[in-house]
């Protein structure tokens, strides 16, 4: 039996104060201004064109949040801020936080969305701000490099496998798979604007000879092929369930006999009440996309079964589903 929430915990859930303080500090680029040398509030205010007394309140809150330090009247970065919140750091994650800040007003319309069922956005922020989208993909690529190889190894592929990374973004998974499997070749399919970043990451990895780039809209254009493996990673939740069912059918026709489709996504459990993070993510998708939604593992299994896959398996609970095409197909 789960523990009852205390009154203090309920209040904590309702406070968004610290979140907005952090997002505002990132937008003002406070942490970059404090890089290497502690400064006074007046010095920081002069560098970012801010009002010193009100900036001081923000800086003091960041000290309490353990993102800044303060000695006398001098402010400096914590070690975590130095590592993740300074723009020139190789581990900078500020672009992802700027994405959350860009979505701030959408969250303010959640009540209207719940009451009416009508969504308030007609285009994702990646479409309205392509530069931010590219920067966010670069951050996600760097984070994904840590988990990609282990994911590839768990699939235990053998031989000269032809892989399609559908909606592959920066090519993070294609790169990881090709690094794990020396005989693999891969194709990353995504929108032309996205593939400009992919071209760079593939080149940086030294895999231009093994990873091809195919521009297009996977709901409208041919996918090439045939392929031995098709990976659909974190693309379902941006689409309607009907569009996903059609796409799974389309992928089936581009798989070679004996091929497999791997769907990696943030699936809800059967009751729709877990995993906890995914239930909140489902609301995020509701307010920040025109038609997306989080599906259940059972939905993906149903789409694969109807498409004709001979066997469908949940490889990782609420995370990875695999469909195998018959060798006689």
C-alpha atoms as a PDB file:
ATOM      1  CA  UNK A   1       0.000   0.000   0.000  1.00  0.00           C
ATOM      2  CA  UNK A   2       1.393   3.398  -0.949  1.00  0.00           C
ATOM      3  CA  UNK A   3       2.019   5.993   1.770  1.00  0.00           C
ATOM      4  CA  UNK A   4      -0.420   8.912   2.098  1.00  0.00           C
ATOM      5  CA  UNK A   5       0.954  12.297   1.083  1.00  0.00           C
ATOM      6  CA  UNK A   6       1.599  14.773   3.869  1.00  0.00           C
ATOM      7  CA  UNK A   7       0.230  18.310   3.722  1.00  0.00           C
ATOM      8  CA  UNK A   8       3.769  19.620   3.167  1.00  0.00           C
ATOM      9  CA  UNK A   9       4.211  17.283   0.197  1.00  0.00           C
ATOM     10  CA  UNK A  10       0.922  18.427  -1.317  1.00  0.00           C
ATOM     11  CA  UNK A  11       2.060  22.035  -1.053  1.00  0.00           C
ATOM     12  CA  UNK A  12       5.414  21.103  -2.601  1.00  0.00           C
ATOM     13  CA  UNK A  13       3.639  19.552  -5.591  1.00  0.00           C
ATOM     14  CA  UNK A  14       1.730  22.796  -6.082  1.00  0.00           C
ATOM     15  CA  UNK A  15       4.747  25.097  -6.004  1.00  0.00           C
ATOM     16  CA  UNK A  16       6.169  25.968  -9.405  1.00  0.00           C
ATOM     17  CA  UNK A  17       8.227  28.833  -8.009  1.00  0.00           C
ATOM     18  CA  UNK A  18      11.652  27.190  -8.106  1.00  0.00           C
ATOM     19  CA  UNK A  19      11.010  25.868 -11.605  1.00  0.00           C
ATOM     20  CA  UNK A  20      10.357  29.326 -13.027  1.00  0.00           C
ATOM     21  CA  UNK A  21      13.283  30.804 -11.097  1.00  0.00           C
ATOM     22  CA  UNK A  22      15.639  28.306 -12.732  1.00  0.00           C
ATOM     23  CA  UNK A  23      14.149  28.722 -16.208  1.00  0.00           C
ATOM     24  CA  UNK A  24      14.407  32.503 -15.942  1.00  0.00           C
ATOM     25  CA  UNK A  25      18.039  32.287 -14.819  1.00  0.00           C
ATOM     26  CA  UNK A  26      18.831  30.101 -17.831  1.00  0.00           C
ATOM     27  CA  UNK A  27      17.044  32.484 -20.195  1.00  0.00           C
ATOM     28  CA  UNK A  28      19.001  35.412 -18.712  1.00  0.00           C
ATOM     29  CA  UNK A  29      22.165  33.267 -19.002  1.00  0.00           C
ATOM     30  CA  UNK A  30      23.120  34.121 -15.431  1.00  0.00           C
ATOM     31  CA  UNK A  31      25.313  31.035 -15.039  1.00  0.00           C
ATOM     32  CA  UNK A  32      27.462  31.857 -18.076  1.00  0.00           C
ATOM     33  CA  UNK A  33      28.057  35.350 -16.719  1.00  0.00           C
ATOM     34  CA  UNK A  34      29.391  33.835 -13.472  1.00  0.00           C
ATOM     35  CA  UNK A  35      31.701  31.417 -15.277  1.00  0.00           C
ATOM     36  CA  UNK A  36      35.066  31.207 -13.565  1.00  0.00           C
ATOM     37  CA  UNK A  37      34.883  34.441 -11.573  1.00  0.00           C
ATOM     38  CA  UNK A  38      32.448  35.309  -8.744  1.00  0.00           C
ATOM     39  CA  UNK A  39      30.674  38.629  -9.242  1.00  0.00           C
ATOM     40  CA  UNK A  40      28.386  40.981  -7.377  1.00  0.00           C
ATOM     41  CA  UNK A  41      24.724  41.360  -8.261  1.00  0.00           C
ATOM     42  CA  UNK A  42      25.551  44.802  -9.675  1.00  0.00           C
ATOM     43  CA  UNK A  43      28.201  43.334 -11.991  1.00  0.00           C
ATOM     44  CA  UNK A  44      25.872  40.598 -13.241  1.00  0.00           C
ATOM     45  CA  UNK A  45      23.022  43.079 -13.697  1.00  0.00           C
ATOM     46  CA  UNK A  46      25.253  45.309 -15.813  1.00  0.00           C
ATOM     47  CA  UNK A  47      26.305  42.402 -18.034  1.00  0.00           C
ATOM     48  CA  UNK A  48      22.785  41.106 -18.674  1.00  0.00           C
ATOM     49  CA  UNK A  49      20.968  44.473 -18.658  1.00  0.00           C
ATOM     50  CA  UNK A  50      18.887  43.687 -15.576  1.00  0.00           C
ATOM     51  CA  UNK A  51      17.592  45.639 -12.554  1.00  0.00           C
ATOM     52  CA  UNK A  52      20.025  44.993  -9.700  1.00  0.00           C
ATOM     53  CA  UNK A  53      17.629  44.879  -6.692  1.00  0.00           C
ATOM     54  CA  UNK A  54      15.236  42.431  -8.366  1.00  0.00           C
ATOM     55  CA  UNK A  55      18.085  40.360  -9.814  1.00  0.00           C
ATOM     56  CA  UNK A  56      19.481  40.045  -6.270  1.00  0.00           C
ATOM     57  CA  UNK A  57      16.266  38.320  -5.202  1.00  0.00           C
ATOM     58  CA  UNK A  58      16.657  35.830  -8.048  1.00  0.00           C
ATOM     59  CA  UNK A  59      20.330  35.193  -7.251  1.00  0.00           C
ATOM     60  CA  UNK A  60      19.616  34.650  -3.556  1.00  0.00           C
ATOM     61  CA  UNK A  61      16.912  32.119  -4.413  1.00  0.00           C
ATOM     62  CA  UNK A  62      19.391  30.300  -6.683  1.00  0.00           C
ATOM     63  CA  UNK A  63      21.813  30.159  -3.752  1.00  0.00           C
ATOM     64  CA  UNK A  64      19.114  28.576  -1.595  1.00  0.00           C
ATOM     65  CA  UNK A  65      18.426  26.130  -4.443  1.00  0.00           C
ATOM     66  CA  UNK A  66      22.147  25.178  -4.380  1.00  0.00           C
ATOM     67  CA  UNK A  67      22.729  26.299  -7.949  1.00  0.00           C
ATOM     68  CA  UNK A  68      24.802  29.323  -6.882  1.00  0.00           C
ATOM     69  CA  UNK A  69      27.142  30.047  -3.968  1.00  0.00           C
ATOM     70  CA  UNK A  70      27.492  33.326  -2.083  1.00  0.00           C
ATOM     71  CA  UNK A  71      30.383  34.666  -0.033  1.00  0.00           C
ATOM     72  CA  UNK A  72      29.901  38.184   1.244  1.00  0.00           C
ATOM     73  CA  UNK A  73      28.276  39.962  -1.694  1.00  0.00           C
ATOM     74  CA  UNK A  74      29.958  37.763  -4.341  1.00  0.00           C
ATOM     75  CA  UNK A  75      27.972  35.144  -6.256  1.00  0.00           C
ATOM     76  CA  UNK A  76      29.462  32.115  -7.987  1.00  0.00           C
ATOM     77  CA  UNK A  77      28.339  28.926  -9.698  1.00  0.00           C
ATOM     78  CA  UNK A  78      27.927  25.638  -7.890  1.00  0.00           C
ATOM     79  CA  UNK A  79      29.790  22.661  -9.380  1.00  0.00           C
ATOM     80  CA  UNK A  80      26.530  21.417 -10.931  1.00  0.00           C
ATOM     81  CA  UNK A  81      25.888  24.789 -12.573  1.00  0.00           C
ATOM     82  CA  UNK A  82      29.465  24.906 -13.875  1.00  0.00           C
ATOM     83  CA  UNK A  83      28.991  21.507 -15.443  1.00  0.00           C
ATOM     84  CA  UNK A  84      25.497  21.815 -16.929  1.00  0.00           C
ATOM     85  CA  UNK A  85      24.383  25.456 -17.120  1.00  0.00           C
ATOM     86  CA  UNK A  86      27.266  27.365 -18.743  1.00  0.00           C
ATOM     87  CA  UNK A  87      26.765  27.705 -22.475  1.00  0.00           C
ATOM     88  CA  UNK A  88      30.253  26.698 -23.564  1.00  0.00           C
ATOM     89  CA  UNK A  89      30.300  23.578 -21.357  1.00  0.00           C
ATOM     90  CA  UNK A  90      30.370  20.304 -23.285  1.00  0.00           C
ATOM     91  CA  UNK A  91      27.597  19.084 -20.953  1.00  0.00           C
ATOM     92  CA  UNK A  92      25.339  22.131 -21.220  1.00  0.00           C
ATOM     93  CA  UNK A  93      21.645  21.230 -20.902  1.00  0.00           C
ATOM     94  CA  UNK A  94      20.269  24.759 -20.971  1.00  0.00           C
ATOM     95  CA  UNK A  95      18.665  24.354 -24.399  1.00  0.00           C
ATOM     96  CA  UNK A  96      16.395  21.648 -23.004  1.00  0.00           C
ATOM     97  CA  UNK A  97      15.394  23.973 -20.167  1.00  0.00           C
ATOM     98  CA  UNK A  98      14.775  26.772 -22.677  1.00  0.00           C
ATOM     99  CA  UNK A  99      12.390  24.413 -24.471  1.00  0.00           C
ATOM    100  CA  UNK A 100      10.447  23.977 -21.226  1.00  0.00           C
ATOM    101  CA  UNK A 101      10.354  27.742 -20.781  1.00  0.00           C
ATOM    102  CA  UNK A 102       9.082  28.173 -24.362  1.00  0.00           C
ATOM    103  CA  UNK A 103       6.212  25.835 -23.440  1.00  0.00           C
ATOM    104  CA  UNK A 104       5.360  27.756 -20.254  1.00  0.00           C
ATOM    105  CA  UNK A 105       2.344  29.613 -21.670  1.00  0.00           C
ATOM    106  CA  UNK A 106       0.888  26.389 -23.079  1.00  0.00           C
ATOM    107  CA  UNK A 107       0.776  24.934 -19.578  1.00  0.00           C
ATOM    108  CA  UNK A 108      -1.173  27.985 -18.460  1.00  0.00           C
ATOM    109  CA  UNK A 109      -3.962  26.873 -20.783  1.00  0.00           C
ATOM    110  CA  UNK A 110      -4.277  23.394 -19.283  1.00  0.00           C
ATOM    111  CA  UNK A 111      -7.572  24.154 -17.518  1.00  0.00           C
ATOM    112  CA  UNK A 112      -9.210  25.310 -20.751  1.00  0.00           C
ATOM    113  CA  UNK A 113      -7.916  22.232 -22.552  1.00  0.00           C
ATOM    114  CA  UNK A 114      -9.337  19.929 -19.884  1.00  0.00           C
ATOM    115  CA  UNK A 115     -12.709  21.704 -19.842  1.00  0.00           C
ATOM    116  CA  UNK A 116     -13.167  21.898 -23.604  1.00  0.00           C
ATOM    117  CA  UNK A 117     -11.026  19.094 -25.000  1.00  0.00           C
ATOM    118  CA  UNK A 118      -9.639  21.640 -27.461  1.00  0.00           C
ATOM    119  CA  UNK A 119      -5.888  21.999 -27.725  1.00  0.00           C
ATOM    120  CA  UNK A 120      -4.362  25.455 -27.682  1.00  0.00           C
ATOM    121  CA  UNK A 121      -1.393  24.859 -30.011  1.00  0.00           C
ATOM    122  CA  UNK A 122      -1.430  24.299 -33.739  1.00  0.00           C
ATOM    123  CA  UNK A 123       2.297  23.693 -34.182  1.00  0.00           C
ATOM    124  CA  UNK A 124       5.009  22.225 -31.976  1.00  0.00           C
ATOM    125  CA  UNK A 125       7.662  24.682 -30.786  1.00  0.00           C
ATOM    126  CA  UNK A 126      10.243  22.822 -32.912  1.00  0.00           C
ATOM    127  CA  UNK A 127       8.324  24.046 -35.965  1.00  0.00           C
ATOM    128  CA  UNK A 128       8.017  27.636 -34.765  1.00  0.00           C
ATOM    129  CA  UNK A 129      11.629  27.806 -33.512  1.00  0.00           C
ATOM    130  CA  UNK A 130      13.790  25.432 -35.616  1.00  0.00           C
ATOM    131  CA  UNK A 131      17.027  26.697 -34.058  1.00  0.00           C
ATOM    132  CA  UNK A 132      15.823  25.780 -30.570  1.00  0.00           C
ATOM    133  CA  UNK A 133      14.698  22.408 -31.904  1.00  0.00           C
ATOM    134  CA  UNK A 134      18.132  21.719 -33.359  1.00  0.00           C
ATOM    135  CA  UNK A 135      19.839  22.712 -30.117  1.00  0.00           C
ATOM    136  CA  UNK A 136      17.529  20.472 -28.079  1.00  0.00           C
ATOM    137  CA  UNK A 137      18.241  17.528 -30.400  1.00  0.00           C
ATOM    138  CA  UNK A 138      21.956  18.116 -29.871  1.00  0.00           C
ATOM    139  CA  UNK A 139      21.467  17.920 -26.079  1.00  0.00           C
ATOM    140  CA  UNK A 140      19.338  14.775 -26.377  1.00  0.00           C
ATOM    141  CA  UNK A 141      21.963  13.272 -28.680  1.00  0.00           C
ATOM    142  CA  UNK A 142      24.670  13.799 -26.087  1.00  0.00           C
ATOM    143  CA  UNK A 143      22.494  12.278 -23.345  1.00  0.00           C
ATOM    144  CA  UNK A 144      21.441   9.377 -25.574  1.00  0.00           C
ATOM    145  CA  UNK A 145      25.053   8.483 -26.364  1.00  0.00           C
ATOM    146  CA  UNK A 146      25.331   7.099 -22.841  1.00  0.00           C
ATOM    147  CA  UNK A 147      22.419   4.639 -23.102  1.00  0.00           C
ATOM    148  CA  UNK A 148      22.394   3.845 -26.842  1.00  0.00           C
ATOM    149  CA  UNK A 149      25.117   1.164 -26.915  1.00  0.00           C
ATOM    150  CA  UNK A 150      23.575  -0.828 -24.057  1.00  0.00           C
ATOM    151  CA  UNK A 151      20.181  -0.732 -25.773  1.00  0.00           C
ATOM    152  CA  UNK A 152      21.761  -1.969 -29.013  1.00  0.00           C
ATOM    153  CA  UNK A 153      23.516  -4.851 -27.240  1.00  0.00           C
ATOM    154  CA  UNK A 154      20.302  -6.017 -25.583  1.00  0.00           C
ATOM    155  CA  UNK A 155      18.756  -6.655 -29.012  1.00  0.00           C
ATOM    156  CA  UNK A 156      21.524  -9.166 -29.886  1.00  0.00           C
ATOM    157  CA  UNK A 157      21.619  -8.618 -33.646  1.00  0.00           C
ATOM    158  CA  UNK A 158      23.726 -10.891 -35.831  1.00  0.00           C
ATOM    159  CA  UNK A 159      25.385 -10.509 -39.235  1.00  0.00           C
ATOM    160  CA  UNK A 160      25.096  -7.892 -41.953  1.00  0.00           C
ATOM    161  CA  UNK A 161      22.001  -6.128 -40.695  1.00  0.00           C
ATOM    162  CA  UNK A 162      20.338  -3.283 -42.630  1.00  0.00           C
ATOM    163  CA  UNK A 163      18.704  -0.890 -40.193  1.00  0.00           C
ATOM    164  CA  UNK A 164      16.261   1.981 -40.621  1.00  0.00           C
ATOM    165  CA  UNK A 165      16.215   4.561 -37.825  1.00  0.00           C
ATOM    166  CA  UNK A 166      12.797   6.083 -38.531  1.00  0.00           C
ATOM    167  CA  UNK A 167      12.454   9.668 -37.325  1.00  0.00           C
ATOM    168  CA  UNK A 168      16.004   9.172 -36.107  1.00  0.00           C
ATOM    169  CA  UNK A 169      16.725  12.788 -35.216  1.00  0.00           C
ATOM    170  CA  UNK A 170      20.433  13.367 -34.674  1.00  0.00           C
ATOM    171  CA  UNK A 171      21.165   9.735 -35.553  1.00  0.00           C
ATOM    172  CA  UNK A 172      21.976   8.841 -31.952  1.00  0.00           C
ATOM    173  CA  UNK A 173      20.647   5.287 -32.155  1.00  0.00           C
ATOM    174  CA  UNK A 174      21.960   4.604 -35.660  1.00  0.00           C
ATOM    175  CA  UNK A 175      25.436   5.658 -34.542  1.00  0.00           C
ATOM    176  CA  UNK A 176      25.269   3.566 -31.366  1.00  0.00           C
ATOM    177  CA  UNK A 177      24.045   0.486 -33.242  1.00  0.00           C
ATOM    178  CA  UNK A 178      26.737   0.780 -35.910  1.00  0.00           C
ATOM    179  CA  UNK A 179      29.394   1.153 -33.225  1.00  0.00           C
ATOM    180  CA  UNK A 180      28.174  -2.018 -31.498  1.00  0.00           C
ATOM    181  CA  UNK A 181      27.649  -4.082 -34.671  1.00  0.00           C
ATOM    182  CA  UNK A 182      30.583  -3.770 -37.050  1.00  0.00           C
ATOM    183  CA  UNK A 183      28.732  -5.294 -40.022  1.00  0.00           C
ATOM    184  CA  UNK A 184      25.625  -3.127 -39.738  1.00  0.00           C
ATOM    185  CA  UNK A 185      24.619  -0.405 -42.173  1.00  0.00           C
ATOM    186  CA  UNK A 186      21.923   2.107 -41.292  1.00  0.00           C
ATOM    187  CA  UNK A 187      19.635   4.716 -42.806  1.00  0.00           C
ATOM    188  CA  UNK A 188      18.369   7.665 -40.781  1.00  0.00           C
ATOM    189  CA  UNK A 189      15.030   8.958 -42.065  1.00  0.00           C
ATOM    190  CA  UNK A 190      13.892  12.393 -40.915  1.00  0.00           C
ATOM    191  CA  UNK A 191      12.904  15.847 -42.092  1.00  0.00           C
ATOM    192  CA  UNK A 192      15.491  17.699 -44.195  1.00  0.00           C
ATOM    193  CA  UNK A 193      16.034  20.397 -41.551  1.00  0.00           C
ATOM    194  CA  UNK A 194      16.751  17.771 -38.893  1.00  0.00           C
ATOM    195  CA  UNK A 195      19.180  15.872 -41.103  1.00  0.00           C
ATOM    196  CA  UNK A 196      21.487  18.889 -41.228  1.00  0.00           C
ATOM    197  CA  UNK A 197      22.381  18.121 -37.608  1.00  0.00           C
ATOM    198  CA  UNK A 198      22.426  14.366 -38.307  1.00  0.00           C
ATOM    199  CA  UNK A 199      24.983  14.858 -41.058  1.00  0.00           C
ATOM    200  CA  UNK A 200      27.321  16.495 -38.539  1.00  0.00           C
ATOM    201  CA  UNK A 201      26.908  13.866 -35.819  1.00  0.00           C
ATOM    202  CA  UNK A 202      27.439  11.011 -38.283  1.00  0.00           C
ATOM    203  CA  UNK A 203      30.543  12.694 -39.647  1.00  0.00           C
ATOM    204  CA  UNK A 204      31.873  13.331 -36.133  1.00  0.00           C
ATOM    205  CA  UNK A 205      31.425   9.609 -35.426  1.00  0.00           C
ATOM    206  CA  UNK A 206      33.315   8.686 -38.607  1.00  0.00           C
ATOM    207  CA  UNK A 207      30.413   6.623 -39.927  1.00  0.00           C
ATOM    208  CA  UNK A 208      29.570   8.386 -43.220  1.00  0.00           C
ATOM    209  CA  UNK A 209      30.303   5.207 -45.179  1.00  0.00           C
ATOM    210  CA  UNK A 210      27.848   3.120 -43.144  1.00  0.00           C
ATOM    211  CA  UNK A 211      25.019   5.527 -42.268  1.00  0.00           C
ATOM    212  CA  UNK A 212      22.917   7.031 -45.069  1.00  0.00           C
ATOM    213  CA  UNK A 213      20.519   9.964 -44.642  1.00  0.00           C
ATOM    214  CA  UNK A 214      17.066   9.843 -46.238  1.00  0.00           C
ATOM    215  CA  UNK A 215      15.017  13.078 -46.077  1.00  0.00           C
ATOM    216  CA  UNK A 216      11.251  13.049 -46.087  1.00  0.00           C
ATOM    217  CA  UNK A 217       7.967  12.809 -44.194  1.00  0.00           C
ATOM    218  CA  UNK A 218       7.513   9.224 -43.009  1.00  0.00           C
ATOM    219  CA  UNK A 219       3.729   9.574 -43.116  1.00  0.00           C
ATOM    220  CA  UNK A 220       3.802  10.536 -46.803  1.00  0.00           C
ATOM    221  CA  UNK A 221       7.012   9.373 -48.468  1.00  0.00           C
ATOM    222  CA  UNK A 222       8.527   6.004 -49.266  1.00  0.00           C
ATOM    223  CA  UNK A 223      10.931   4.649 -46.666  1.00  0.00           C
ATOM    224  CA  UNK A 224      13.295   2.874 -49.045  1.00  0.00           C
ATOM    225  CA  UNK A 225      14.313  -0.608 -47.985  1.00  0.00           C
ATOM    226  CA  UNK A 226      13.991  -3.502 -47.566  1.00  0.00           C
ATOM    227  CA  UNK A 227      15.407  -3.496 -44.026  1.00  0.00           C
ATOM    228  CA  UNK A 228      16.223  -6.182 -41.480  1.00  0.00           C
ATOM    229  CA  UNK A 229      15.486  -3.916 -38.522  1.00  0.00           C
ATOM    230  CA  UNK A 230      13.370  -0.782 -38.253  1.00  0.00           C
ATOM    231  CA  UNK A 231      13.639   1.297 -35.085  1.00  0.00           C
ATOM    232  CA  UNK A 232      10.915   3.756 -34.138  1.00  0.00           C
ATOM    233  CA  UNK A 233      12.225   5.586 -31.087  1.00  0.00           C
ATOM    234  CA  UNK A 234      10.123   8.255 -29.353  1.00  0.00           C
ATOM    235  CA  UNK A 235       8.029   9.217 -32.376  1.00  0.00           C
ATOM    236  CA  UNK A 236       4.642   7.643 -31.595  1.00  0.00           C
ATOM    237  CA  UNK A 237       3.632  10.178 -28.950  1.00  0.00           C
ATOM    238  CA  UNK A 238       3.717  13.048 -31.451  1.00  0.00           C
ATOM    239  CA  UNK A 239       1.024  11.441 -33.624  1.00  0.00           C
ATOM    240  CA  UNK A 240      -2.580  10.258 -33.446  1.00  0.00           C
ATOM    241  CA  UNK A 241      -3.289   6.594 -32.753  1.00  0.00           C
ATOM    242  CA  UNK A 242      -4.724   6.197 -36.270  1.00  0.00           C
ATOM    243  CA  UNK A 243      -1.570   7.664 -37.830  1.00  0.00           C
ATOM    244  CA  UNK A 244       0.565   5.308 -35.745  1.00  0.00           C
ATOM    245  CA  UNK A 245      -1.430   2.271 -36.879  1.00  0.00           C
ATOM    246  CA  UNK A 246      -0.978   3.300 -40.526  1.00  0.00           C
ATOM    247  CA  UNK A 247       2.743   3.889 -40.001  1.00  0.00           C
ATOM    248  CA  UNK A 248       3.244   0.450 -38.430  1.00  0.00           C
ATOM    249  CA  UNK A 249       1.511  -1.085 -41.470  1.00  0.00           C
ATOM    250  CA  UNK A 250       3.793   0.902 -43.751  1.00  0.00           C
ATOM    251  CA  UNK A 251       6.906  -0.237 -41.909  1.00  0.00           C
ATOM    252  CA  UNK A 252       5.777  -3.869 -42.222  1.00  0.00           C
ATOM    253  CA  UNK A 253       5.934  -3.591 -46.023  1.00  0.00           C
ATOM    254  CA  UNK A 254       9.496  -2.219 -45.842  1.00  0.00           C
ATOM    255  CA  UNK A 255      10.806  -5.089 -43.722  1.00  0.00           C
ATOM    256  CA  UNK A 256      12.559  -8.075 -45.265  1.00  0.00           C
ATOM    257  CA  UNK A 257      11.210 -11.545 -44.386  1.00  0.00           C
ATOM    258  CA  UNK A 258      12.297 -12.355 -40.845  1.00  0.00           C
ATOM    259  CA  UNK A 259      12.823  -8.665 -40.115  1.00  0.00           C
ATOM    260  CA  UNK A 260      11.832  -6.947 -36.930  1.00  0.00           C
ATOM    261  CA  UNK A 261      10.257  -3.671 -35.867  1.00  0.00           C
ATOM    262  CA  UNK A 262      11.452  -2.212 -32.565  1.00  0.00           C
ATOM    263  CA  UNK A 263       9.253   0.476 -30.992  1.00  0.00           C
ATOM    264  CA  UNK A 264      10.875   2.347 -28.117  1.00  0.00           C
ATOM    265  CA  UNK A 265       8.636   4.911 -26.465  1.00  0.00           C
ATOM    266  CA  UNK A 266       7.162   6.158 -23.187  1.00  0.00           C
ATOM    267  CA  UNK A 267       4.257   3.738 -22.837  1.00  0.00           C
ATOM    268  CA  UNK A 268       1.550   3.906 -20.186  1.00  0.00           C
ATOM    269  CA  UNK A 269       0.635   0.778 -18.261  1.00  0.00           C
ATOM    270  CA  UNK A 270      -2.697  -0.988 -18.674  1.00  0.00           C
ATOM    271  CA  UNK A 271      -4.454   1.202 -16.113  1.00  0.00           C
ATOM    272  CA  UNK A 272      -2.966   4.414 -17.498  1.00  0.00           C
ATOM    273  CA  UNK A 273      -1.705   5.385 -14.014  1.00  0.00           C
ATOM    274  CA  UNK A 274       1.954   4.529 -14.438  1.00  0.00           C
ATOM    275  CA  UNK A 275       4.831   4.911 -14.773  1.00  0.00           C
ATOM    276  CA  UNK A 276       4.418   8.141 -12.806  1.00  0.00           C
ATOM    277  CA  UNK A 277       6.703  10.218 -15.026  1.00  0.00           C
ATOM    278  CA  UNK A 278       4.896   9.032 -18.154  1.00  0.00           C
ATOM    279  CA  UNK A 279       1.486  10.031 -16.794  1.00  0.00           C
ATOM    280  CA  UNK A 280       2.790  13.597 -16.394  1.00  0.00           C
ATOM    281  CA  UNK A 281       4.445  13.380 -19.816  1.00  0.00           C
ATOM    282  CA  UNK A 282       1.065  12.472 -21.307  1.00  0.00           C
ATOM    283  CA  UNK A 283      -0.335  15.771 -20.002  1.00  0.00           C
ATOM    284  CA  UNK A 284       2.720  17.559 -21.374  1.00  0.00           C
ATOM    285  CA  UNK A 285       1.991  16.108 -24.820  1.00  0.00           C
ATOM    286  CA  UNK A 286      -1.653  17.163 -24.460  1.00  0.00           C
ATOM    287  CA  UNK A 287      -0.819  20.827 -23.946  1.00  0.00           C
ATOM    288  CA  UNK A 288       2.190  21.088 -26.236  1.00  0.00           C
ATOM    289  CA  UNK A 289       1.175  19.222 -29.396  1.00  0.00           C
ATOM    290  CA  UNK A 290      -1.712  19.537 -31.796  1.00  0.00           C
ATOM    291  CA  UNK A 291      -2.644  15.857 -31.835  1.00  0.00           C
ATOM    292  CA  UNK A 292      -0.087  13.714 -29.997  1.00  0.00           C
ATOM    293  CA  UNK A 293      -0.740  11.349 -27.122  1.00  0.00           C
ATOM    294  CA  UNK A 294       0.920   8.643 -25.040  1.00  0.00           C
ATOM    295  CA  UNK A 295      -0.253   5.163 -25.903  1.00  0.00           C
ATOM    296  CA  UNK A 296      -0.233   1.960 -23.885  1.00  0.00           C
ATOM    297  CA  UNK A 297       1.976  -1.015 -24.616  1.00  0.00           C
ATOM    298  CA  UNK A 298      -1.189  -2.888 -25.590  1.00  0.00           C
ATOM    299  CA  UNK A 299      -1.895  -0.311 -28.316  1.00  0.00           C
ATOM    300  CA  UNK A 300       1.485  -0.892 -29.950  1.00  0.00           C
ATOM    301  CA  UNK A 301       1.009  -4.657 -29.687  1.00  0.00           C
ATOM    302  CA  UNK A 302      -2.389  -4.341 -31.340  1.00  0.00           C
ATOM    303  CA  UNK A 303      -1.026  -2.226 -34.213  1.00  0.00           C
ATOM    304  CA  UNK A 304       1.746  -4.745 -34.859  1.00  0.00           C
ATOM    305  CA  UNK A 305      -0.557  -7.737 -34.698  1.00  0.00           C
ATOM    306  CA  UNK A 306      -3.030  -6.202 -37.142  1.00  0.00           C
ATOM    307  CA  UNK A 307      -0.176  -5.275 -39.480  1.00  0.00           C
ATOM    308  CA  UNK A 308       0.736  -8.939 -39.787  1.00  0.00           C
ATOM    309  CA  UNK A 309       3.711  -9.463 -37.493  1.00  0.00           C
ATOM    310  CA  UNK A 310       4.037 -13.155 -36.653  1.00  0.00           C
ATOM    311  CA  UNK A 311       5.041 -12.544 -33.039  1.00  0.00           C
ATOM    312  CA  UNK A 312       4.941  -9.445 -30.850  1.00  0.00           C
ATOM    313  CA  UNK A 313       6.799  -9.173 -27.543  1.00  0.00           C
ATOM    314  CA  UNK A 314       7.180  -6.538 -24.857  1.00  0.00           C
ATOM    315  CA  UNK A 315      10.961  -6.567 -24.432  1.00  0.00           C
ATOM    316  CA  UNK A 316      11.078  -3.923 -21.704  1.00  0.00           C
ATOM    317  CA  UNK A 317       8.034  -3.070 -19.614  1.00  0.00           C
ATOM    318  CA  UNK A 318       6.360   0.182 -20.727  1.00  0.00           C
ATOM    319  CA  UNK A 319       9.440   0.947 -22.857  1.00  0.00           C
ATOM    320  CA  UNK A 320      10.199  -1.415 -25.766  1.00  0.00           C
ATOM    321  CA  UNK A 321       7.963  -3.591 -27.970  1.00  0.00           C
ATOM    322  CA  UNK A 322       9.234  -5.854 -30.759  1.00  0.00           C
ATOM    323  CA  UNK A 323       7.396  -7.316 -33.722  1.00  0.00           C
ATOM    324  CA  UNK A 324       8.902 -10.136 -35.811  1.00  0.00           C
ATOM    325  CA  UNK A 325       7.912 -10.608 -39.443  1.00  0.00           C
ATOM    326  CA  UNK A 326       7.534 -14.183 -40.637  1.00  0.00           C
ATOM    327  CA  UNK A 327      10.370 -15.495 -42.815  1.00  0.00           C
ATOM    328  CA  UNK A 328       7.702 -16.682 -45.242  1.00  0.00           C
ATOM    329  CA  UNK A 329       6.062 -13.278 -45.518  1.00  0.00           C
END
